[in-house]
Protein backbone atom coordinates (compact mmCIF):
# COMPACT_ATOMS: atom_id res chain seq x y z
CA MET A 1 0.08 -0.01 -0.07
CA GLY A 2 3.19 2.14 -0.03
CA THR A 3 2.86 3.14 3.70
CA VAL A 4 4.33 1.43 6.69
CA HIS A 5 1.35 1.17 9.01
CA LEU A 6 2.58 0.62 12.82
CA PRO A 7 0.63 -1.23 15.15
CA VAL A 8 -0.23 0.63 18.41
CA MET A 9 1.57 -0.65 21.91
CA PRO A 10 2.67 -4.11 20.32
CA ALA A 11 4.66 -4.83 23.26
CA GLU A 12 2.15 -4.00 25.79
CA VAL A 13 -0.40 -6.24 23.37
CA VAL A 14 2.09 -9.34 23.80
CA ARG A 15 2.91 -8.70 27.29
CA PHE A 16 -0.79 -8.50 28.64
CA LEU A 17 -1.94 -11.51 26.40
CA GLY A 18 0.82 -13.70 27.74
CA CYS A 19 1.78 -15.10 24.18
CA ARG A 20 3.33 -18.69 24.46
CA PRO A 21 4.23 -21.46 22.18
CA GLY A 22 1.31 -23.39 21.35
CA GLY A 23 -1.44 -20.86 22.16
CA VAL A 24 -4.30 -20.18 19.90
CA TYR A 25 -4.89 -16.27 19.54
CA VAL A 26 -7.60 -14.18 17.65
CA ASP A 27 -6.76 -10.83 16.42
CA CYS A 28 -10.26 -9.48 15.89
CA THR A 29 -9.06 -6.37 13.91
CA LEU A 30 -6.37 -7.68 11.91
CA GLY A 31 -5.84 -4.49 9.77
CA GLY A 32 -2.43 -4.83 7.90
CA GLY A 33 -1.48 -7.45 10.50
CA GLY A 34 0.98 -5.71 12.65
CA HIS A 35 -0.25 -7.05 16.30
CA ALA A 36 -0.68 -10.28 14.59
CA LEU A 37 2.69 -10.52 13.63
CA GLU A 38 4.09 -9.76 17.01
CA MET A 39 1.72 -12.46 18.47
CA LEU A 40 2.98 -15.23 15.95
CA LYS A 41 6.76 -14.27 16.96
CA ALA A 42 6.07 -14.51 20.62
CA SER A 43 4.27 -17.72 20.43
CA SER A 44 6.72 -19.30 18.18
CA PRO A 45 7.35 -21.90 17.24
CA ASP A 46 3.77 -23.42 16.83
CA GLY A 47 1.31 -20.67 18.33
CA ARG A 48 -1.50 -19.93 16.13
CA VAL A 49 -3.26 -16.64 15.12
CA ILE A 50 -6.78 -16.59 13.63
CA GLY A 51 -7.08 -13.00 11.91
CA LEU A 52 -10.43 -11.28 11.41
CA ASP A 53 -11.32 -8.07 9.43
CA VAL A 54 -14.05 -6.66 7.15
CA ASP A 55 -11.96 -4.50 5.20
CA GLU A 56 -10.44 -6.36 2.06
CA ASP A 57 -7.66 -3.81 1.33
CA ALA A 58 -6.44 -4.38 4.97
CA LEU A 59 -6.64 -8.15 4.51
CA GLU A 60 -4.82 -8.23 1.35
CA GLU A 61 -1.66 -6.61 3.06
CA ALA A 62 -2.13 -8.62 6.07
CA ARG A 63 -1.83 -11.78 3.75
CA ARG A 64 1.60 -10.49 2.39
CA LEU A 65 2.79 -9.72 5.63
CA LEU A 66 1.91 -12.86 7.30
CA GLU A 67 2.32 -15.33 4.53
CA PRO A 68 5.68 -16.42 5.83
CA PHE A 69 3.78 -18.13 8.86
CA GLY A 70 1.95 -20.44 6.64
CA ALA A 71 -0.64 -22.58 8.46
CA ARG A 72 0.12 -20.97 11.74
CA VAL A 73 -2.32 -17.90 10.58
CA ILE A 74 -5.77 -18.14 9.34
CA ILE A 75 -7.29 -15.00 7.74
CA LEU A 76 -11.07 -14.22 7.49
CA ARG A 77 -13.12 -11.70 6.28
CA GLU A 78 -15.53 -11.56 9.46
CA ASN A 79 -16.68 -8.84 11.61
CA TYR A 80 -15.39 -9.45 15.26
CA ARG A 81 -19.01 -9.04 16.39
CA ASP A 82 -19.32 -12.67 15.13
CA VAL A 83 -16.38 -14.04 16.67
CA LYS A 84 -18.43 -16.90 18.40
CA ALA A 85 -19.71 -18.06 15.56
CA VAL A 86 -16.62 -17.94 13.58
CA LEU A 87 -14.73 -19.99 15.89
CA GLU A 88 -17.32 -22.78 16.12
CA ARG A 89 -17.32 -22.80 12.47
CA LEU A 90 -13.62 -23.21 12.55
CA GLY A 91 -14.08 -26.12 15.24
CA VAL A 92 -12.08 -23.97 17.49
CA GLY A 93 -12.93 -24.15 21.12
CA GLU A 94 -11.97 -21.82 23.70
CA VAL A 95 -8.65 -19.74 23.13
CA ASP A 96 -5.77 -18.24 24.97
CA GLY A 97 -6.31 -14.64 24.11
CA MET A 98 -8.11 -12.17 21.91
CA VAL A 99 -7.10 -8.63 20.68
CA LEU A 100 -9.44 -5.67 19.65
CA ASP A 101 -7.69 -2.58 18.16
CA VAL A 102 -10.84 -0.67 17.40
CA GLY A 103 -12.00 2.53 15.48
CA VAL A 104 -10.77 3.38 11.65
CA SER A 105 -7.33 2.28 10.71
CA SER A 106 -4.69 4.46 8.99
CA TYR A 107 -5.28 2.46 5.70
CA GLN A 108 -8.79 3.93 5.56
CA LEU A 109 -7.89 7.18 6.37
CA GLU A 110 -4.89 7.43 3.73
CA ARG A 111 -6.86 6.01 1.15
CA ALA A 112 -8.90 8.95 -0.62
CA GLU A 113 -11.31 6.57 -2.61
CA ARG A 114 -12.61 5.10 0.78
CA GLY A 115 -13.90 8.57 1.66
CA PHE A 116 -13.39 8.65 5.26
CA SER A 117 -11.17 11.89 5.60
CA PHE A 118 -11.71 15.53 4.65
CA MET A 119 -7.84 15.69 3.96
CA HIS A 120 -8.54 14.00 0.86
CA ASP A 121 -11.52 15.52 -1.51
CA SER A 122 -13.23 12.23 -2.50
CA ARG A 123 -17.01 10.90 -2.61
CA LEU A 124 -18.30 10.23 0.80
CA ASP A 125 -18.39 6.59 1.72
CA MET A 126 -16.83 5.57 5.24
CA ARG A 127 -18.03 1.95 5.00
CA MET A 128 -15.11 -0.41 6.48
CA ASP A 129 -16.98 -3.24 4.99
CA ARG A 130 -17.78 -2.38 1.58
CA ARG A 131 -20.33 -5.09 1.48
CA ILE A 132 -22.85 -3.24 3.20
CA LYS A 133 -25.25 -0.87 1.48
CA THR A 134 -25.56 2.42 3.38
CA SER A 135 -22.78 4.77 3.27
CA ALA A 136 -21.90 8.20 4.74
CA TYR A 137 -23.41 9.57 1.46
CA ASP A 138 -26.75 8.10 2.12
CA LEU A 139 -26.83 9.20 5.79
CA VAL A 140 -25.83 12.84 4.93
CA ASN A 141 -28.44 13.07 1.94
CA GLY A 142 -31.36 11.11 3.26
CA LEU A 143 -31.88 11.75 7.01
CA PRO A 144 -33.86 14.52 8.34
CA ALA A 145 -32.17 17.35 10.28
CA GLU A 146 -33.32 15.96 13.61
CA GLU A 147 -31.43 12.34 12.86
CA LEU A 148 -28.41 14.00 11.74
CA GLU A 149 -28.22 16.06 14.65
CA ARG A 150 -28.74 12.97 17.06
CA ILE A 151 -26.13 11.05 15.08
CA PHE A 152 -23.50 14.38 15.41
CA ARG A 153 -24.40 14.86 19.19
CA THR A 154 -24.31 10.94 20.20
CA TYR A 155 -21.46 9.60 18.25
CA GLY A 156 -19.39 12.95 17.79
CA GLU A 157 -20.20 14.75 21.36
CA GLU A 158 -20.75 17.72 19.02
CA ARG A 159 -22.00 20.80 20.90
CA ARG A 160 -23.37 22.46 17.84
CA ALA A 161 -24.79 19.37 16.16
CA GLY A 162 -28.12 20.96 15.47
CA THR A 163 -26.66 24.09 13.71
CA ILE A 164 -24.64 21.75 11.44
CA ALA A 165 -27.44 19.33 10.91
CA LYS A 166 -29.59 22.29 9.66
CA ALA A 167 -26.70 23.53 7.49
CA ILE A 168 -26.27 20.16 5.82
CA VAL A 169 -30.23 20.10 4.92
CA ARG A 170 -30.03 23.64 3.49
CA SER A 171 -27.03 22.70 1.24
CA ARG A 172 -28.80 19.63 -0.32
CA GLU A 173 -31.67 21.40 -1.20
CA LYS A 174 -29.47 22.75 -4.09
CA GLY A 175 -28.09 19.35 -4.62
CA PRO A 176 -26.42 16.58 -2.93
CA VAL A 177 -23.50 16.65 -0.74
CA GLU A 178 -21.44 14.40 -2.53
CA THR A 179 -17.82 14.73 -1.27
CA THR A 180 -15.82 14.98 1.87
CA GLY A 181 -14.46 18.14 1.11
CA GLN A 182 -17.84 19.78 0.39
CA LEU A 183 -19.16 18.24 3.64
CA ALA A 184 -16.34 19.83 5.62
CA ARG A 185 -16.86 23.13 3.90
CA ILE A 186 -20.67 22.98 4.86
CA VAL A 187 -19.61 22.35 8.40
CA LEU A 188 -16.92 25.04 8.68
CA MET A 189 -19.26 27.89 7.44
CA SER A 190 -22.15 26.80 9.47
CA LEU A 191 -20.34 27.89 12.39
CA PRO A 192 -19.54 31.61 13.69
CA PRO A 193 -15.96 32.74 12.74
CA ARG A 194 -14.45 32.34 16.16
CA TYR A 195 -15.43 28.51 16.06
CA ARG A 196 -13.77 27.92 12.88
CA HIS A 197 -10.04 27.63 14.11
CA GLY A 198 -8.88 25.38 16.81
CA LYS A 199 -6.61 22.34 17.79
CA ILE A 200 -8.66 20.40 15.45
CA HIS A 201 -10.96 21.01 12.28
CA PRO A 202 -14.45 21.88 13.13
CA ALA A 203 -15.73 18.92 11.08
CA THR A 204 -13.61 16.18 12.81
CA ARG A 205 -16.46 15.30 15.34
CA VAL A 206 -18.97 15.21 12.48
CA PHE A 207 -17.06 12.70 10.46
CA GLN A 208 -16.58 10.85 13.45
CA ALA A 209 -20.29 10.47 14.24
CA LEU A 210 -20.91 9.57 10.48
CA ARG A 211 -18.32 6.69 10.63
CA ILE A 212 -19.72 5.18 13.76
CA ALA A 213 -23.25 5.26 12.47
CA VAL A 214 -22.15 3.84 9.05
CA ASN A 215 -20.23 0.93 10.40
CA ASN A 216 -22.55 0.45 13.64
CA GLU A 217 -19.06 0.69 15.62
CA LEU A 218 -20.24 0.87 19.29
CA GLU A 219 -22.85 -1.66 18.90
CA ASN A 220 -20.13 -4.00 17.29
CA LEU A 221 -17.80 -3.17 20.22
CA GLU A 222 -20.19 -4.28 22.83
CA ALA A 223 -21.25 -7.25 21.16
CA GLY A 224 -17.68 -8.25 20.36
CA LEU A 225 -16.62 -7.89 23.85
CA ARG A 226 -19.06 -10.04 25.50
CA GLN A 227 -18.81 -12.83 22.72
CA GLY A 228 -15.04 -12.53 23.02
CA VAL A 229 -14.90 -13.19 26.66
CA CYS A 230 -17.22 -16.11 26.45
CA CYS A 231 -14.45 -17.59 24.00
CA LEU A 232 -11.60 -17.63 26.41
CA ARG A 233 -10.57 -20.30 28.18
CA PRO A 234 -9.86 -19.85 32.01
CA GLY A 235 -6.87 -17.86 32.23
CA GLY A 236 -7.17 -16.51 28.74
CA ARG A 237 -6.95 -12.97 28.39
CA MET A 238 -8.36 -10.09 26.15
CA VAL A 239 -6.70 -6.60 25.21
CA VAL A 240 -8.76 -3.85 23.91
CA ILE A 241 -7.18 -0.48 22.19
CA SER A 242 -9.71 2.37 21.85
CA PHE A 243 -9.00 5.74 20.56
CA HIS A 244 -11.95 8.00 21.86
CA SER A 245 -13.95 8.33 24.74
CA LEU A 246 -16.99 6.78 23.46
CA GLU A 247 -15.10 3.33 22.86
CA ASP A 248 -13.08 3.69 25.97
CA ARG A 249 -16.20 4.06 27.99
CA ILE A 250 -18.06 0.75 26.47
CA VAL A 251 -14.67 -1.17 27.23
CA LYS A 252 -14.38 0.11 30.81
CA ASN A 253 -17.96 -0.26 31.65
CA THR A 254 -18.43 -3.59 30.02
CA PHE A 255 -15.30 -5.13 31.76
CA ARG A 256 -16.53 -3.80 35.14
CA GLU A 257 -19.82 -5.21 34.61
CA MET A 258 -18.43 -8.61 33.49
CA SER A 259 -15.78 -8.43 36.90
CA SER A 260 -18.59 -7.88 39.33
CA GLY A 261 -19.73 -10.84 41.15
CA CYS A 262 -22.75 -10.92 43.65
CA ILE A 263 -25.42 -8.20 42.73
CA CYS A 264 -27.95 -9.05 45.78
CA PRO A 265 -28.93 -6.14 47.86
CA ARG A 266 -26.65 -5.69 51.23
CA ASP A 267 -29.60 -6.60 53.39
CA VAL A 268 -30.02 -9.94 52.01
CA PRO A 269 -28.44 -12.51 54.37
CA ARG A 270 -27.04 -14.51 51.65
CA CYS A 271 -26.63 -14.49 47.77
CA VAL A 272 -29.66 -15.44 45.78
CA CYS A 273 -28.53 -14.06 42.36
CA GLY A 274 -26.00 -16.72 41.60
CA ARG A 275 -23.97 -14.26 39.74
CA HIS A 276 -20.10 -14.86 39.44
CA PRO A 277 -17.52 -12.80 37.69
CA LEU A 278 -16.48 -13.72 34.53
CA VAL A 279 -13.19 -11.66 34.28
CA ARG A 280 -10.34 -10.45 36.17
CA ILE A 281 -9.53 -6.86 35.25
CA LEU A 282 -5.54 -6.50 34.74
CA THR A 283 -5.40 -2.97 33.97
CA LYS A 284 -6.77 -0.84 37.00
CA LYS A 285 -5.58 1.97 35.51
CA VAL A 286 -5.72 2.36 31.56
CA VAL A 287 -2.40 2.09 29.76
CA VAL A 288 -1.32 4.76 27.11
CA PRO A 289 1.70 4.67 24.90
CA GLY A 290 5.01 6.08 25.79
CA ARG A 291 6.56 9.45 24.52
CA ASP A 292 8.90 7.63 22.19
CA GLU A 293 5.94 5.71 20.57
CA VAL A 294 3.78 8.58 20.03
CA GLU A 295 6.86 10.49 18.18
CA SER A 296 7.23 7.67 16.01
CA ASN A 297 3.77 6.83 15.44
CA PRO A 298 1.27 10.05 15.92
CA ARG A 299 -1.87 7.68 15.67
CA ALA A 300 -1.21 6.28 19.11
CA ARG A 301 -1.24 9.63 20.72
CA SER A 302 -5.12 8.80 21.70
CA ALA A 303 -4.68 5.26 22.47
CA LYS A 304 -5.95 3.42 25.56
CA LEU A 305 -5.23 0.03 26.57
CA ARG A 306 -7.29 -2.31 28.84
CA ALA A 307 -7.05 -5.78 29.63
CA VAL A 308 -8.94 -8.74 31.42
CA GLU A 309 -8.28 -12.20 32.19
CA ARG A 310 -11.07 -14.96 32.06
CA VAL A 311 -11.68 -16.54 35.57
CA VAL A 312 -12.33 -19.78 36.93
CA HIS A 313 -15.35 -20.39 38.88
């Protein structure tokens, strides 16, 4: 693809997974294969990795990178929300570890034709899996202002969501909003001049929100977390890297819920709920990349890593 794509916190991923020879691991968001490569090296000579992704461009790159490992790696075009069914189909029971590096990839942002970024003026798209029918173009040009406002506010945490949504609707009365550059300009010009210059481009949160909505990212994340934990053997581990507060909140809250035991009221003399913890949290404090990594890989600057271990009842 012409660009070197660095995995985020690869050493930390391998350390928290506890990769070992003979282990079976799942890279739920294979991307270009960077994390899978480190997992295969750390589990040498006979550890195996099952790599899942929905983006055919990323899978093509991963296949080239991981080809030397032969039968030790299986690569499938699947959504990690379905990880349990995928493993059952492969005849794989419980696995030793699982990693999720969630959100948009550098592949998608850097390839103009994918329509993810306003850094490249191209047709609005934002589909990670191009087999799905609804794109960002469809949402921007088809949804009423109220629904666009909800998406921008909920998924982008955009304070001026209503103003931006109304500006989009007014603009498309003259013709469809077709490109990323066109949408970015509409957002920019909908705001008072004092809000048009800041640390991030004013359209950043709108683009994030549309991408999340197109790909059902938050729903997929919660489903993948719950299914994934159920696929871990006792002592198996899950590592999740997220890049913004919405994702991290889901990971944190889901792991906290799964690590809780009895939920009976305190005045009940003995447990009647029968609830047991599913996991033990390994990262009491969220793990972030070091300064050296951020300098060499700017994509890592907002990354947060959390990890859990499946417990034995």
